[in-house]
Each structure stands twice: as structure tokens, then as C-alpha cells.
Amino acid sequence: MKKLMWIQGFIPEDLNRKIVDLCNRNNDLDLSDRFLIYPLHVSLKRTFVYGNFDEISDTVKEVLGRHDGFKCRGLRPYRVDNMLWLLFDYDEELMKIHEDLDKTLAEKHDVAVDKFDLNYLPHISLFHDKDIVKLDEMGNRLSEISYESFVVDMVAIGSKDRENELIRLR
């Protein structure tokens, strides 16, 4: 069985609650809420197969130690295939973190840079459903709300068989 590792920037808890409540109040469309049961987050790199978790985690911590928190602003609903995201504007620091993770993990641990990473769109995943009409309707509803900007300075490194390890950015 493949072991998958993730690297995620957590959004502030109060904003997490606000967005989840908003999504739940508008979900008479019966969309799957599987993303809403976890802390909402910004994926800093696509989930990847790992060998030695501790070695890769140490490398990720080295990379993160070189970076500051990043700002998320301009949030807006965006559907890609069968997913509804809150897409946000590119932030220079976020892009530096993403590129540094890609480059360093590829060089030190042979972690592939896949299509998601090459075409990185900073976002928060909200819903996944086969019915794109429902996703589009939810996107329309959520587009009528203004979202405050926020800073992400807490990152989780984890996998299904490991507790999240929280790292604070500078």
C-alpha cells in the first residue's frame, strides 16, 4: 500500500469556521462535505508517495525554515473539473515556498514534480462532486460573499499513519 505525505498551510481557525459554516448553510444541494470535516488548508505541494517519512520531514522543515508566512487575498470560488475551490491571488512568498519544496524534494528524495505542481494554483478545496451543475450553483452562491484576506503561518506535515507535525513559518 502506498504511503502518501502532505504539506498543508492551515488557514486561521476563526476563518475556517466561518467558511465551513457558510458552505454548510448553503449546501441544500447535497454536495459531499468531506473536505469540510478537516481543517481547511492550502496544499503547498501535491500529496506524494514517500519512503522514509522522517528524512523527508526533516528536509521539509529545512525548506520551511527559510520562509515567512504568506498572504491569501482575492478569494473567489473556482471550479476545476469536479472540484470547487476557493482560488486566491498568487503571493510571492507562497510561490517561493512551493518552488523550493518542488526543487529540494526532487533533488534530495526523488519526489516527482507532477502536473499539479507545474501548474500550481493556490486554493482551498471545498467540494468534490460528479454533478458539475451543482458545483457551479454552489460557486455562484459563494461568489456573492466577500472573503477577508489572511496570513498562513502554520504548516502541517503528515500522512494517514502519522500525526500532523505543525511547523510555524517565520
N, C-alpha and C. Protein backbone atom coordinates (compact mmCIF):
# COMPACT_ATOMS: atom_id res chain seq x y z
N MET A 1 0.84 -1.19 0.00
CA MET A 1 0.00 0.00 0.00
C MET A 1 0.88 1.25 0.00
N LYS A 2 0.57 2.19 -0.88
CA LYS A 2 1.33 3.43 -0.97
C LYS A 2 1.07 4.30 0.24
N LYS A 3 2.14 4.89 0.74
CA LYS A 3 2.02 5.83 1.85
C LYS A 3 2.14 7.23 1.27
N LEU A 4 1.13 8.07 1.55
CA LEU A 4 1.08 9.42 1.00
C LEU A 4 1.37 10.45 2.07
N MET A 5 2.16 11.44 1.71
CA MET A 5 2.55 12.52 2.61
C MET A 5 1.96 13.83 2.09
N TRP A 6 1.57 14.71 3.01
CA TRP A 6 1.05 16.01 2.62
C TRP A 6 1.80 17.12 3.34
N ILE A 7 1.75 18.29 2.71
CA ILE A 7 2.32 19.52 3.27
C ILE A 7 1.26 20.60 3.05
N GLN A 8 0.67 21.08 4.15
CA GLN A 8 -0.50 21.95 4.04
C GLN A 8 -0.36 23.16 4.96
N GLY A 9 -0.70 24.32 4.41
CA GLY A 9 -0.77 25.53 5.22
C GLY A 9 -2.17 25.67 5.79
N PHE A 10 -2.27 25.76 7.11
CA PHE A 10 -3.59 25.88 7.75
C PHE A 10 -4.06 27.32 7.75
N ILE A 11 -5.34 27.50 7.43
CA ILE A 11 -5.91 28.84 7.49
C ILE A 11 -6.32 29.11 8.94
N PRO A 12 -6.44 30.38 9.33
CA PRO A 12 -6.81 30.68 10.72
C PRO A 12 -8.13 30.01 11.12
N GLU A 13 -8.17 29.56 12.36
CA GLU A 13 -9.30 28.77 12.85
C GLU A 13 -10.64 29.51 12.76
N ASP A 14 -10.65 30.80 13.08
CA ASP A 14 -11.92 31.55 13.02
C ASP A 14 -12.43 31.66 11.59
N LEU A 15 -11.54 31.85 10.63
CA LEU A 15 -11.94 31.91 9.23
C LEU A 15 -12.36 30.52 8.74
N ASN A 16 -11.68 29.48 9.20
CA ASN A 16 -12.05 28.11 8.87
C ASN A 16 -13.50 27.87 9.26
N ARG A 17 -13.85 28.21 10.50
CA ARG A 17 -15.23 28.02 10.98
C ARG A 17 -16.22 28.82 10.14
N LYS A 18 -15.86 30.06 9.81
CA LYS A 18 -16.75 30.93 9.05
C LYS A 18 -17.03 30.33 7.66
N ILE A 19 -16.00 29.87 6.98
CA ILE A 19 -16.16 29.30 5.63
C ILE A 19 -16.94 27.99 5.69
N VAL A 20 -16.61 27.13 6.65
CA VAL A 20 -17.32 25.85 6.78
C VAL A 20 -18.80 26.10 7.09
N ASP A 21 -19.09 27.02 8.00
CA ASP A 21 -20.49 27.34 8.32
C ASP A 21 -21.22 27.87 7.09
N LEU A 22 -20.57 28.74 6.36
CA LEU A 22 -21.15 29.30 5.15
C LEU A 22 -21.45 28.20 4.12
N CYS A 23 -20.50 27.31 3.93
CA CYS A 23 -20.71 26.19 2.99
C CYS A 23 -21.84 25.29 3.45
N ASN A 24 -21.88 24.98 4.74
CA ASN A 24 -22.93 24.11 5.26
C ASN A 24 -24.31 24.75 5.14
N ARG A 25 -24.41 26.06 5.41
CA ARG A 25 -25.69 26.76 5.30
C ARG A 25 -26.21 26.79 3.87
N ASN A 26 -25.31 26.79 2.92
CA ASN A 26 -25.69 26.87 1.50
C ASN A 26 -25.76 25.50 0.83
N ASN A 27 -25.57 24.44 1.60
CA ASN A 27 -25.46 23.12 0.98
C ASN A 27 -26.77 22.34 0.95
N ASP A 28 -27.84 22.98 0.54
CA ASP A 28 -29.07 22.25 0.29
C ASP A 28 -28.94 21.46 -1.01
N LEU A 29 -27.81 21.61 -1.69
CA LEU A 29 -27.54 20.90 -2.95
C LEU A 29 -27.02 19.48 -2.68
N ASP A 30 -26.77 19.17 -1.42
CA ASP A 30 -26.31 17.84 -1.01
C ASP A 30 -24.96 17.47 -1.63
N LEU A 31 -24.05 18.42 -1.65
CA LEU A 31 -22.69 18.14 -2.10
C LEU A 31 -21.93 17.45 -0.97
N SER A 32 -20.97 16.62 -1.31
CA SER A 32 -20.16 15.94 -0.30
C SER A 32 -19.40 16.97 0.51
N ASP A 33 -19.42 16.82 1.82
CA ASP A 33 -18.72 17.77 2.68
C ASP A 33 -17.41 17.18 3.22
N ARG A 34 -16.85 16.20 2.52
CA ARG A 34 -15.68 15.51 3.06
C ARG A 34 -14.49 16.43 3.29
N PHE A 35 -14.37 17.51 2.51
CA PHE A 35 -13.26 18.45 2.74
C PHE A 35 -13.53 19.34 3.95
N LEU A 36 -14.79 19.52 4.28
CA LEU A 36 -15.15 20.45 5.34
C LEU A 36 -14.99 19.85 6.73
N ILE A 37 -14.76 18.54 6.82
CA ILE A 37 -14.59 17.92 8.15
C ILE A 37 -13.15 18.02 8.63
N TYR A 38 -12.25 18.40 7.77
CA TYR A 38 -10.84 18.59 8.15
C TYR A 38 -10.59 20.09 8.27
N PRO A 39 -9.50 20.48 8.92
CA PRO A 39 -9.17 21.91 8.86
C PRO A 39 -8.94 22.31 7.40
N LEU A 40 -9.55 23.41 6.99
CA LEU A 40 -9.32 23.90 5.63
C LEU A 40 -7.85 24.29 5.51
N HIS A 41 -7.31 24.08 4.33
CA HIS A 41 -5.87 24.28 4.17
C HIS A 41 -5.53 24.64 2.73
N VAL A 42 -4.31 25.12 2.57
CA VAL A 42 -3.72 25.39 1.27
C VAL A 42 -2.66 24.31 1.05
N SER A 43 -2.84 23.49 0.02
CA SER A 43 -1.82 22.48 -0.28
C SER A 43 -0.59 23.18 -0.84
N LEU A 44 0.56 22.94 -0.21
CA LEU A 44 1.79 23.58 -0.65
C LEU A 44 2.52 22.75 -1.70
N LYS A 45 2.16 21.49 -1.77
CA LYS A 45 2.66 20.57 -2.78
C LYS A 45 1.64 19.45 -2.87
N ARG A 46 1.49 18.88 -4.04
CA ARG A 46 0.56 17.77 -4.18
C ARG A 46 1.00 16.62 -3.28
N THR A 47 0.03 15.93 -2.69
CA THR A 47 0.31 14.76 -1.88
C THR A 47 1.17 13.79 -2.69
N PHE A 48 2.17 13.20 -2.05
CA PHE A 48 3.11 12.36 -2.79
C PHE A 48 3.45 11.10 -2.00
N VAL A 49 3.89 10.07 -2.73
CA VAL A 49 4.32 8.81 -2.13
C VAL A 49 5.68 9.04 -1.49
N TYR A 50 5.85 8.52 -0.28
CA TYR A 50 7.12 8.71 0.42
C TYR A 50 7.71 7.38 0.87
N GLY A 51 9.01 7.39 1.08
CA GLY A 51 9.71 6.23 1.61
C GLY A 51 9.94 6.44 3.09
N ASN A 52 10.97 7.19 3.43
CA ASN A 52 11.31 7.45 4.82
C ASN A 52 10.70 8.79 5.25
N PHE A 53 9.63 8.70 6.02
CA PHE A 53 8.90 9.91 6.42
C PHE A 53 9.80 10.88 7.17
N ASP A 54 10.58 10.37 8.12
CA ASP A 54 11.39 11.25 8.96
C ASP A 54 12.44 12.01 8.15
N GLU A 55 13.07 11.35 7.20
CA GLU A 55 14.07 12.03 6.37
C GLU A 55 13.43 13.13 5.54
N ILE A 56 12.30 12.81 4.91
CA ILE A 56 11.64 13.81 4.08
C ILE A 56 11.09 14.94 4.95
N SER A 57 10.55 14.60 6.10
CA SER A 57 10.02 15.61 7.01
C SER A 57 11.13 16.57 7.44
N ASP A 58 12.32 16.05 7.72
CA ASP A 58 13.44 16.91 8.09
C ASP A 58 13.79 17.87 6.96
N THR A 59 13.76 17.36 5.73
CA THR A 59 14.03 18.22 4.57
C THR A 59 12.97 19.30 4.43
N VAL A 60 11.70 18.92 4.60
CA VAL A 60 10.60 19.88 4.50
C VAL A 60 10.78 20.97 5.57
N LYS A 61 11.14 20.58 6.78
CA LYS A 61 11.35 21.57 7.86
C LYS A 61 12.49 22.52 7.50
N GLU A 62 13.56 22.00 6.90
CA GLU A 62 14.66 22.87 6.46
C GLU A 62 14.15 23.90 5.45
N VAL A 63 13.37 23.43 4.49
CA VAL A 63 12.83 24.33 3.47
C VAL A 63 11.93 25.38 4.12
N LEU A 64 11.00 24.94 4.95
CA LEU A 64 10.06 25.87 5.57
C LEU A 64 10.77 26.87 6.47
N GLY A 65 11.88 26.46 7.08
CA GLY A 65 12.64 27.36 7.94
C GLY A 65 13.24 28.54 7.21
N ARG A 66 13.26 28.48 5.90
CA ARG A 66 13.81 29.57 5.08
C ARG A 66 12.73 30.58 4.67
N HIS A 67 11.49 30.35 5.08
CA HIS A 67 10.38 31.16 4.54
C HIS A 67 9.52 31.79 5.62
N ASP A 68 8.88 32.90 5.19
CA ASP A 68 7.91 33.61 6.02
C ASP A 68 6.51 33.10 5.71
N GLY A 69 5.55 33.51 6.54
CA GLY A 69 4.16 33.22 6.25
C GLY A 69 3.75 33.91 4.95
N PHE A 70 2.64 33.49 4.38
CA PHE A 70 2.19 34.07 3.12
C PHE A 70 0.75 34.56 3.25
N LYS A 71 0.42 35.53 2.41
CA LYS A 71 -0.89 36.16 2.48
C LYS A 71 -1.83 35.58 1.41
N CYS A 72 -3.04 35.33 1.81
CA CYS A 72 -4.09 34.86 0.90
C CYS A 72 -5.11 35.99 0.76
N ARG A 73 -5.29 36.47 -0.46
CA ARG A 73 -6.25 37.55 -0.71
C ARG A 73 -6.90 37.33 -2.07
N GLY A 74 -8.02 37.97 -2.25
CA GLY A 74 -8.73 37.83 -3.52
C GLY A 74 -9.42 36.49 -3.65
N LEU A 75 -9.87 35.92 -2.54
CA LEU A 75 -10.53 34.61 -2.59
C LEU A 75 -11.79 34.68 -3.43
N ARG A 76 -11.96 33.65 -4.26
CA ARG A 76 -13.16 33.56 -5.09
C ARG A 76 -13.40 32.09 -5.45
N PRO A 77 -14.67 31.69 -5.56
CA PRO A 77 -14.97 30.31 -5.95
C PRO A 77 -14.47 30.04 -7.37
N TYR A 78 -14.01 28.82 -7.57
CA TYR A 78 -13.46 28.42 -8.87
C TYR A 78 -13.66 26.91 -9.00
N ARG A 79 -14.30 26.51 -10.10
CA ARG A 79 -14.48 25.07 -10.32
C ARG A 79 -13.42 24.58 -11.31
N VAL A 80 -12.77 23.50 -10.93
CA VAL A 80 -11.85 22.82 -11.84
C VAL A 80 -12.28 21.36 -11.87
N ASP A 81 -12.67 20.90 -13.06
CA ASP A 81 -13.20 19.55 -13.23
C ASP A 81 -14.36 19.35 -12.25
N ASN A 82 -14.24 18.36 -11.38
CA ASN A 82 -15.35 18.06 -10.45
C ASN A 82 -15.04 18.53 -9.02
N MET A 83 -14.27 19.61 -8.91
CA MET A 83 -13.90 20.17 -7.61
C MET A 83 -14.30 21.65 -7.57
N LEU A 84 -14.73 22.10 -6.40
CA LEU A 84 -14.97 23.52 -6.18
C LEU A 84 -13.95 24.01 -5.16
N TRP A 85 -13.23 25.03 -5.56
CA TRP A 85 -12.16 25.60 -4.72
C TRP A 85 -12.51 27.04 -4.38
N LEU A 86 -11.81 27.56 -3.37
CA LEU A 86 -11.65 28.99 -3.21
C LEU A 86 -10.25 29.29 -3.72
N LEU A 87 -10.19 29.86 -4.89
CA LEU A 87 -8.93 30.23 -5.51
C LEU A 87 -8.52 31.58 -4.94
N PHE A 88 -7.22 31.85 -4.85
CA PHE A 88 -6.80 33.18 -4.41
C PHE A 88 -5.60 33.65 -5.21
N ASP A 89 -5.31 34.93 -5.07
CA ASP A 89 -4.25 35.55 -5.84
C ASP A 89 -2.89 34.95 -5.48
N TYR A 90 -2.01 34.95 -6.47
CA TYR A 90 -0.65 34.48 -6.21
C TYR A 90 0.02 35.39 -5.19
N ASP A 91 0.75 34.80 -4.29
CA ASP A 91 1.54 35.52 -3.31
C ASP A 91 2.99 35.14 -3.55
N GLU A 92 3.86 36.11 -3.62
CA GLU A 92 5.26 35.84 -3.93
C GLU A 92 5.89 34.84 -2.96
N GLU A 93 5.63 35.00 -1.67
CA GLU A 93 6.23 34.09 -0.69
C GLU A 93 5.69 32.67 -0.85
N LEU A 94 4.38 32.54 -1.09
CA LEU A 94 3.80 31.22 -1.31
C LEU A 94 4.45 30.54 -2.51
N MET A 95 4.63 31.28 -3.57
CA MET A 95 5.23 30.69 -4.77
C MET A 95 6.68 30.28 -4.51
N LYS A 96 7.41 31.06 -3.71
CA LYS A 96 8.79 30.69 -3.35
C LYS A 96 8.79 29.39 -2.55
N ILE A 97 7.86 29.27 -1.60
CA ILE A 97 7.77 28.04 -0.79
C ILE A 97 7.48 26.85 -1.70
N HIS A 98 6.48 27.00 -2.56
CA HIS A 98 6.08 25.90 -3.45
C HIS A 98 7.25 25.47 -4.34
N GLU A 99 7.91 26.42 -4.96
CA GLU A 99 9.03 26.10 -5.86
C GLU A 99 10.21 25.51 -5.09
N ASP A 100 10.48 26.02 -3.91
CA ASP A 100 11.57 25.49 -3.08
C ASP A 100 11.28 24.05 -2.67
N LEU A 101 10.04 23.76 -2.28
CA LEU A 101 9.66 22.38 -1.94
C LEU A 101 9.83 21.46 -3.14
N ASP A 102 9.30 21.88 -4.30
CA ASP A 102 9.43 21.05 -5.51
C ASP A 102 10.88 20.73 -5.81
N LYS A 103 11.70 21.76 -5.88
CA LYS A 103 13.11 21.60 -6.26
C LYS A 103 13.88 20.76 -5.25
N THR A 104 13.75 21.09 -3.98
CA THR A 104 14.52 20.41 -2.94
C THR A 104 14.10 18.95 -2.78
N LEU A 105 12.79 18.68 -2.78
CA LEU A 105 12.33 17.29 -2.62
C LEU A 105 12.68 16.44 -3.84
N ALA A 106 12.66 17.04 -5.02
CA ALA A 106 13.06 16.31 -6.22
C ALA A 106 14.56 15.97 -6.16
N GLU A 107 15.37 16.93 -5.77
CA GLU A 107 16.82 16.72 -5.72
C GLU A 107 17.24 15.75 -4.62
N LYS A 108 16.69 15.93 -3.42
CA LYS A 108 17.15 15.14 -2.27
C LYS A 108 16.45 13.79 -2.12
N HIS A 109 15.19 13.70 -2.58
CA HIS A 109 14.40 12.50 -2.31
C HIS A 109 13.71 11.93 -3.54
N ASP A 110 14.02 12.46 -4.69
CA ASP A 110 13.45 11.98 -5.95
C ASP A 110 11.91 12.02 -5.95
N VAL A 111 11.34 13.05 -5.31
CA VAL A 111 9.90 13.24 -5.30
C VAL A 111 9.52 13.96 -6.59
N ALA A 112 8.64 13.34 -7.35
CA ALA A 112 8.27 13.87 -8.67
C ALA A 112 7.56 15.22 -8.56
N VAL A 113 7.85 16.05 -9.53
CA VAL A 113 7.11 17.31 -9.71
C VAL A 113 6.05 16.99 -10.77
N ASP A 114 4.80 16.86 -10.33
CA ASP A 114 3.76 16.43 -11.27
C ASP A 114 3.03 17.62 -11.89
N LYS A 115 1.99 17.31 -12.68
CA LYS A 115 1.23 18.32 -13.41
C LYS A 115 0.63 19.37 -12.47
N PHE A 116 0.12 18.94 -11.33
CA PHE A 116 -0.45 19.87 -10.35
C PHE A 116 0.60 20.87 -9.91
N ASP A 117 1.79 20.38 -9.62
CA ASP A 117 2.86 21.26 -9.14
C ASP A 117 3.36 22.19 -10.23
N LEU A 118 3.43 21.71 -11.47
CA LEU A 118 3.89 22.55 -12.57
C LEU A 118 2.90 23.67 -12.90
N ASN A 119 1.62 23.39 -12.70
CA ASN A 119 0.56 24.37 -12.99
C ASN A 119 -0.13 24.80 -11.70
N TYR A 120 0.66 25.05 -10.68
CA TYR A 120 0.16 25.31 -9.34
C TYR A 120 -0.81 26.49 -9.29
N LEU A 121 -1.98 26.23 -8.75
CA LEU A 121 -2.99 27.26 -8.50
C LEU A 121 -3.27 27.27 -7.00
N PRO A 122 -2.90 28.33 -6.29
CA PRO A 122 -3.14 28.35 -4.84
C PRO A 122 -4.64 28.37 -4.56
N HIS A 123 -5.08 27.45 -3.71
CA HIS A 123 -6.51 27.32 -3.47
C HIS A 123 -6.79 26.60 -2.16
N ILE A 124 -8.06 26.64 -1.77
CA ILE A 124 -8.60 25.87 -0.65
C ILE A 124 -9.70 25.00 -1.23
N SER A 125 -9.60 23.69 -1.08
CA SER A 125 -10.62 22.77 -1.60
C SER A 125 -11.85 22.81 -0.72
N LEU A 126 -13.03 22.90 -1.36
CA LEU A 126 -14.29 22.93 -0.61
C LEU A 126 -15.17 21.72 -0.90
N PHE A 127 -15.41 21.43 -2.18
CA PHE A 127 -16.34 20.36 -2.54
C PHE A 127 -15.82 19.55 -3.71
N HIS A 128 -16.26 18.30 -3.75
CA HIS A 128 -15.94 17.37 -4.84
C HIS A 128 -17.26 16.67 -5.17
N ASP A 129 -17.64 16.69 -6.43
CA ASP A 129 -18.90 16.04 -6.80
C ASP A 129 -18.89 15.77 -8.29
N LYS A 130 -19.61 14.74 -8.70
CA LYS A 130 -19.73 14.41 -10.13
C LYS A 130 -20.65 15.39 -10.86
N ASP A 131 -21.57 16.00 -10.11
CA ASP A 131 -22.56 16.89 -10.70
C ASP A 131 -22.01 18.31 -10.78
N ILE A 132 -21.46 18.67 -11.94
CA ILE A 132 -20.84 19.98 -12.06
C ILE A 132 -21.86 21.12 -12.05
N VAL A 133 -23.11 20.82 -12.39
CA VAL A 133 -24.16 21.85 -12.32
C VAL A 133 -24.34 22.28 -10.86
N LYS A 134 -24.36 21.31 -9.94
CA LYS A 134 -24.46 21.63 -8.52
C LYS A 134 -23.23 22.42 -8.04
N LEU A 135 -22.06 21.99 -8.49
CA LEU A 135 -20.83 22.69 -8.10
C LEU A 135 -20.87 24.14 -8.59
N ASP A 136 -21.33 24.34 -9.83
CA ASP A 136 -21.41 25.69 -10.38
C ASP A 136 -22.42 26.53 -9.59
N GLU A 137 -23.53 25.93 -9.21
CA GLU A 137 -24.53 26.65 -8.42
C GLU A 137 -23.95 27.05 -7.07
N MET A 138 -23.24 26.14 -6.42
CA MET A 138 -22.62 26.47 -5.13
C MET A 138 -21.58 27.57 -5.33
N GLY A 139 -20.83 27.49 -6.41
CA GLY A 139 -19.85 28.54 -6.70
C GLY A 139 -20.51 29.90 -6.86
N ASN A 140 -21.66 29.93 -7.54
CA ASN A 140 -22.40 31.18 -7.70
C ASN A 140 -22.84 31.73 -6.34
N ARG A 141 -23.32 30.85 -5.49
CA ARG A 141 -23.77 31.29 -4.16
C ARG A 141 -22.60 31.84 -3.35
N LEU A 142 -21.49 31.13 -3.41
CA LEU A 142 -20.34 31.54 -2.60
C LEU A 142 -19.64 32.78 -3.18
N SER A 143 -19.87 33.09 -4.44
CA SER A 143 -19.23 34.26 -5.05
C SER A 143 -19.86 35.56 -4.59
N GLU A 144 -21.02 35.48 -3.99
CA GLU A 144 -21.71 36.68 -3.53
C GLU A 144 -21.22 37.14 -2.16
N ILE A 145 -20.28 36.43 -1.60
CA ILE A 145 -19.77 36.74 -0.27
C ILE A 145 -18.37 37.33 -0.41
N SER A 146 -18.05 38.32 0.41
CA SER A 146 -16.68 38.83 0.38
C SER A 146 -15.86 38.07 1.43
N TYR A 147 -14.66 37.74 1.07
CA TYR A 147 -13.77 36.98 1.94
C TYR A 147 -12.61 37.87 2.35
N GLU A 148 -12.32 37.88 3.62
CA GLU A 148 -11.21 38.69 4.11
C GLU A 148 -9.88 38.03 3.75
N SER A 149 -8.86 38.83 3.62
CA SER A 149 -7.54 38.26 3.39
C SER A 149 -6.98 37.77 4.74
N PHE A 150 -6.02 36.88 4.68
CA PHE A 150 -5.45 36.32 5.89
C PHE A 150 -4.03 35.84 5.61
N VAL A 151 -3.28 35.62 6.68
CA VAL A 151 -1.91 35.13 6.58
C VAL A 151 -1.86 33.68 7.04
N VAL A 152 -1.16 32.86 6.29
CA VAL A 152 -0.90 31.47 6.69
C VAL A 152 0.52 31.42 7.22
N ASP A 153 0.66 31.02 8.48
CA ASP A 153 2.00 30.90 9.05
C ASP A 153 2.19 29.58 9.79
N MET A 154 1.20 28.67 9.67
CA MET A 154 1.29 27.35 10.30
C MET A 154 1.13 26.29 9.22
N VAL A 155 2.10 25.38 9.15
CA VAL A 155 2.10 24.33 8.13
C VAL A 155 2.09 22.98 8.82
N ALA A 156 1.31 22.06 8.26
CA ALA A 156 1.26 20.69 8.77
C ALA A 156 1.94 19.76 7.77
N ILE A 157 2.77 18.87 8.30
CA ILE A 157 3.38 17.80 7.53
C ILE A 157 2.79 16.52 8.11
N GLY A 158 2.23 15.66 7.27
CA GLY A 158 1.61 14.47 7.82
C GLY A 158 1.32 13.41 6.79
N SER A 159 0.71 12.33 7.26
CA SER A 159 0.26 11.23 6.43
C SER A 159 -0.84 10.51 7.22
N LYS A 160 -1.49 9.55 6.56
CA LYS A 160 -2.58 8.85 7.25
C LYS A 160 -2.10 8.07 8.47
N ASP A 161 -0.86 7.61 8.43
CA ASP A 161 -0.37 6.82 9.56
C ASP A 161 0.55 7.61 10.49
N ARG A 162 0.61 8.93 10.32
CA ARG A 162 1.42 9.78 11.18
C ARG A 162 0.61 11.00 11.61
N GLU A 163 0.77 11.41 12.83
CA GLU A 163 0.15 12.64 13.31
C GLU A 163 0.70 13.82 12.53
N ASN A 164 -0.13 14.82 12.30
CA ASN A 164 0.38 16.05 11.71
C ASN A 164 1.43 16.66 12.60
N GLU A 165 2.51 17.09 12.01
CA GLU A 165 3.54 17.84 12.73
C GLU A 165 3.38 19.29 12.28
N LEU A 166 3.19 20.18 13.24
CA LEU A 166 2.95 21.58 12.91
C LEU A 166 4.25 22.36 12.95
N ILE A 167 4.46 23.15 11.89
CA ILE A 167 5.67 23.97 11.75
C ILE A 167 5.22 25.41 11.58
N ARG A 168 5.78 26.32 12.38
CA ARG A 168 5.45 27.74 12.23
C ARG A 168 6.47 28.37 11.29
N LEU A 169 5.95 29.08 10.27
CA LEU A 169 6.81 29.82 9.36
C LEU A 169 7.32 31.08 10.09
N ARG A 170 8.39 31.66 9.57
CA ARG A 170 8.98 32.83 10.22
C ARG A 170 8.01 34.00 10.23
